[in-house]
């Protein structure tokens, strides 16, 4: 990354295997992340619900510069990471 980017936010739960995979995947590319556990942190839960309009379908939900990826969708994650300059 040539300049400082806002961390990618991963809304997760402690038991979610795909959440852990998302964290590891982004870390493998040196993408800065913030992992927000929606079970342990009510404000993280409320923040996620506001972003998705209360239409909860599961975790992870990954926020890349305001674009949301529902689930661990590598294609969409890579698309948004490229679009916003996190990776080439």
Protein backbone atom coordinates (compact mmCIF):
# COMPACT_ATOMS: atom_id res chain seq x y z
CA UNK A 1 0.00 0.00 0.00
CA UNK A 2 1.46 3.29 -1.06
CA UNK A 3 -0.50 5.42 1.39
CA UNK A 4 -2.32 4.74 4.63
CA UNK A 5 -5.71 3.11 4.10
CA UNK A 6 -8.56 2.82 6.57
CA UNK A 7 -8.63 -0.66 8.08
CA UNK A 8 -11.05 -3.16 6.59
CA UNK A 9 -13.74 -3.99 9.16
CA UNK A 10 -14.70 -7.62 9.66
CA UNK A 11 -17.92 -8.18 11.60
CA UNK A 12 -17.62 -11.63 13.11
CA UNK A 13 -18.43 -14.07 15.89
CA UNK A 14 -16.02 -16.18 17.91
CA UNK A 15 -17.39 -19.47 16.52
CA UNK A 16 -17.40 -18.53 12.81
CA UNK A 17 -14.79 -20.45 10.80
CA UNK A 18 -15.30 -18.24 7.72
CA UNK A 19 -14.67 -15.17 9.87
CA UNK A 20 -11.31 -16.59 10.94
CA UNK A 21 -10.51 -17.42 7.31
CA UNK A 22 -11.32 -13.84 6.28
CA UNK A 23 -9.04 -12.42 8.97
CA UNK A 24 -6.21 -14.76 7.92
CA UNK A 25 -6.74 -14.06 4.21
CA UNK A 26 -6.55 -10.30 4.65
CA UNK A 27 -3.55 -10.61 6.99
CA UNK A 28 -1.74 -12.71 4.34
CA UNK A 29 -1.96 -9.68 2.03
CA UNK A 30 -0.93 -7.19 4.75
CA UNK A 31 -4.34 -5.49 4.62
CA UNK A 32 -5.04 -3.65 7.88
CA UNK A 33 -8.17 -4.96 9.60
CA UNK A 34 -10.36 -4.42 12.61
CA UNK A 35 -12.22 -7.51 13.79
CA UNK A 36 -15.50 -6.58 15.50
CA UNK A 37 -17.21 -9.42 17.35
CA UNK A 38 -20.94 -8.73 17.14
CA UNK A 39 -21.75 -11.13 20.00
CA UNK A 40 -19.36 -9.62 22.52
CA UNK A 41 -19.69 -5.97 21.52
CA UNK A 42 -23.20 -4.49 21.38
CA UNK A 43 -21.97 -1.33 19.67
CA UNK A 44 -20.38 -3.46 16.91
CA UNK A 45 -23.69 -5.33 16.55
CA UNK A 46 -25.64 -2.07 16.33
CA UNK A 47 -23.14 -0.61 13.84
CA UNK A 48 -23.48 -3.67 11.59
CA UNK A 49 -27.28 -3.64 11.77
CA UNK A 50 -27.28 0.03 10.74
CA UNK A 51 -25.02 -0.71 7.75
CA UNK A 52 -27.13 -3.63 6.52
CA UNK A 53 -30.51 -2.13 7.30
CA UNK A 54 -31.26 -4.79 9.91
CA UNK A 55 -31.32 -7.51 7.23
CA UNK A 56 -28.93 -9.90 8.99
CA UNK A 57 -27.99 -13.02 7.05
CA UNK A 58 -24.85 -14.14 8.85
CA UNK A 59 -21.18 -13.43 9.29
CA UNK A 60 -18.65 -12.48 8.23
CA UNK A 61 -19.68 -9.13 6.85
CA UNK A 62 -16.62 -7.35 5.53
CA UNK A 63 -16.63 -3.56 5.07
CA UNK A 64 -14.04 -2.42 2.52
CA UNK A 65 -14.21 1.38 2.21
CA UNK A 66 -17.99 1.30 2.59
CA UNK A 67 -18.59 -1.65 0.25
CA UNK A 68 -20.00 -4.66 2.08
CA UNK A 69 -19.11 -8.26 1.30
CA UNK A 70 -21.50 -10.78 2.81
CA UNK A 71 -19.70 -14.01 3.62
CA UNK A 72 -16.14 -15.02 2.74
CA UNK A 73 -16.30 -14.25 -0.99
CA UNK A 74 -12.67 -14.02 -2.14
CA UNK A 75 -13.63 -12.73 -5.59
CA UNK A 76 -15.62 -9.79 -4.18
CA UNK A 77 -13.01 -9.13 -1.48
CA UNK A 78 -10.23 -8.99 -4.08
CA UNK A 79 -12.35 -6.82 -6.39
CA UNK A 80 -12.94 -4.20 -3.69
CA UNK A 81 -9.37 -4.38 -2.38
CA UNK A 82 -8.12 -3.59 -5.90
CA UNK A 83 -10.79 -0.93 -6.48
CA UNK A 84 -9.81 0.95 -3.32
CA UNK A 85 -6.05 0.49 -3.71
CA UNK A 86 -5.31 -2.01 -0.95
CA UNK A 87 -3.76 -4.45 -3.44
CA UNK A 88 -2.67 -4.31 -7.09
